[in-house]
Amino acid sequence: MPGTDFQFTIRRANPRGVTPLIARERFADRKRLDRDADAAFMACLWDYFGAEPFERGNLDAGRLSWLFGREVIPAEDPFDPKSYEALLRVDEARARSAFPEAFDGTWVA
């Protein structure tokens, strides 16, 4: 997101190992900027991948973890949360419910 310190991708693999994906709790009192970053990230995921499975690849684990287990779910079983090759997918119904602005074109940076 321009003008913020939020990132959606990492530039290179972590030489100390892959940061595992975890489902982070989103509390109702989160800052507006944090909620906007979640919506922006979801909009980017949907624009780029749609409902198709995608590799975790160089997507930022911290940013993904805010959506993981809810709007972004494993697309394979077993799922390895420490793999850059792990397959994920957007749960469209949950994502549309949580971030309608990411789907209706009203989200702006």
Protein backbone atom coordinates (compact mmCIF):
# COMPACT_ATOMS: atom_id res chain seq x y z
CA MET A 1 0.00 0.00 0.00
CA PRO A 2 1.62 3.23 -1.09
CA GLY A 3 2.44 5.59 1.76
CA THR A 4 2.41 2.87 4.42
CA ASP A 5 4.87 0.32 5.72
CA PHE A 6 2.57 -2.55 4.69
CA GLN A 7 3.94 -5.03 2.19
CA PHE A 8 2.19 -7.80 0.32
CA THR A 9 5.19 -9.65 -1.11
CA ILE A 10 8.68 -10.44 0.06
CA ARG A 11 11.65 -9.86 -2.22
CA ARG A 12 13.53 -13.06 -1.50
CA ALA A 13 13.17 -16.30 0.43
CA ASN A 14 14.14 -16.22 4.09
CA PRO A 15 17.59 -17.88 4.40
CA ARG A 16 16.74 -19.01 7.96
CA GLY A 17 13.63 -20.86 6.81
CA VAL A 18 10.10 -20.22 5.71
CA THR A 19 7.89 -18.24 8.09
CA PRO A 20 4.90 -20.51 8.78
CA LEU A 21 1.36 -19.33 8.09
CA ILE A 22 -0.83 -19.07 11.18
CA ALA A 23 -4.40 -17.92 11.64
CA ARG A 24 -4.13 -14.57 13.43
CA GLU A 25 -7.06 -13.34 15.46
CA ARG A 26 -8.62 -10.13 14.11
CA PHE A 27 -10.13 -8.15 16.94
CA ALA A 28 -12.91 -5.60 16.42
CA ASP A 29 -10.74 -2.77 17.74
CA ARG A 30 -8.05 -3.10 15.05
CA LYS A 31 -6.86 0.18 13.56
CA ARG A 32 -8.56 1.43 10.40
CA LEU A 33 -5.24 1.27 8.52
CA ASP A 34 -4.85 -2.42 9.42
CA ARG A 35 -8.37 -3.19 8.20
CA ASP A 36 -7.67 -1.23 5.00
CA ALA A 37 -4.49 -3.26 4.44
CA ASP A 38 -6.49 -6.49 4.79
CA ALA A 39 -9.06 -5.25 2.27
CA ALA A 40 -6.36 -4.10 -0.15
CA PHE A 41 -4.56 -7.42 0.09
CA MET A 42 -7.79 -9.33 -0.47
CA ALA A 43 -8.58 -7.15 -3.50
CA CYS A 44 -5.12 -7.93 -4.91
CA LEU A 45 -5.49 -11.67 -4.30
CA TRP A 46 -8.90 -11.72 -5.94
CA ASP A 47 -7.77 -9.61 -8.92
CA TYR A 48 -4.73 -11.79 -9.51
CA PHE A 49 -5.95 -15.31 -8.63
CA GLY A 50 -9.75 -15.21 -8.43
CA ALA A 51 -11.19 -18.50 -7.17
CA GLU A 52 -8.28 -20.58 -8.53
CA PRO A 53 -5.73 -22.23 -6.21
CA PHE A 54 -2.43 -20.37 -5.99
CA GLU A 55 1.03 -20.98 -4.58
CA ARG A 56 1.96 -19.12 -1.44
CA GLY A 57 5.18 -18.19 -3.21
CA ASN A 58 6.56 -14.83 -2.16
CA LEU A 59 3.38 -13.55 -0.51
CA ASP A 60 4.16 -12.02 2.87
CA ALA A 61 3.42 -14.53 5.66
CA GLY A 62 2.47 -11.82 8.13
CA ARG A 63 -0.07 -10.25 5.80
CA LEU A 64 -1.41 -13.65 4.69
CA SER A 65 -1.80 -14.80 8.29
CA TRP A 66 -4.42 -12.09 8.95
CA LEU A 67 -6.64 -13.82 6.34
CA PHE A 68 -5.48 -17.43 6.73
CA GLY A 69 -8.06 -19.90 7.99
CA ARG A 70 -10.95 -17.62 7.10
CA GLU A 71 -10.88 -15.83 3.74
CA VAL A 72 -7.77 -17.66 2.52
CA ILE A 73 -7.76 -21.40 3.08
CA PRO A 74 -5.56 -24.38 2.17
CA ALA A 75 -6.21 -25.78 -1.29
CA GLU A 76 -4.49 -29.09 -0.59
CA ASP A 77 -4.46 -31.79 2.03
CA PRO A 78 -2.08 -32.22 3.70
CA PHE A 79 -1.16 -28.55 3.89
CA ASP A 80 2.37 -27.44 4.83
CA PRO A 81 2.26 -23.96 6.43
CA LYS A 82 6.07 -23.73 6.06
CA SER A 83 6.22 -24.26 2.29
CA TYR A 84 6.56 -21.60 -0.40
CA GLU A 85 4.94 -24.16 -2.75
CA ALA A 86 1.86 -24.66 -0.53
CA LEU A 87 -1.42 -24.16 -2.38
CA LEU A 88 -4.02 -21.73 -1.09
CA ARG A 89 -7.32 -20.41 -2.39
CA VAL A 90 -9.70 -17.58 -1.62
CA ASP A 91 -12.92 -18.69 0.08
CA GLU A 92 -15.05 -16.37 -2.03
CA ALA A 93 -18.17 -16.38 0.14
CA ARG A 94 -16.26 -15.56 3.33
CA ALA A 95 -14.05 -13.03 1.59
CA ARG A 96 -17.01 -11.20 0.03
CA SER A 97 -18.74 -11.11 3.41
CA ALA A 98 -15.67 -9.82 5.28
CA PHE A 99 -14.37 -7.43 2.60
CA PRO A 100 -17.21 -6.36 0.28
CA GLU A 101 -15.18 -3.31 -0.78
CA ALA A 102 -12.50 -5.62 -2.22
CA PHE A 103 -15.05 -7.06 -4.65
CA ASP A 104 -17.36 -4.17 -5.52
CA GLY A 105 -14.70 -1.73 -6.69
CA THR A 106 -15.14 0.73 -3.82
CA TRP A 107 -11.77 -0.03 -2.20
CA VAL A 108 -9.23 2.68 -2.91
CA ALA A 109 -5.69 3.19 -1.64
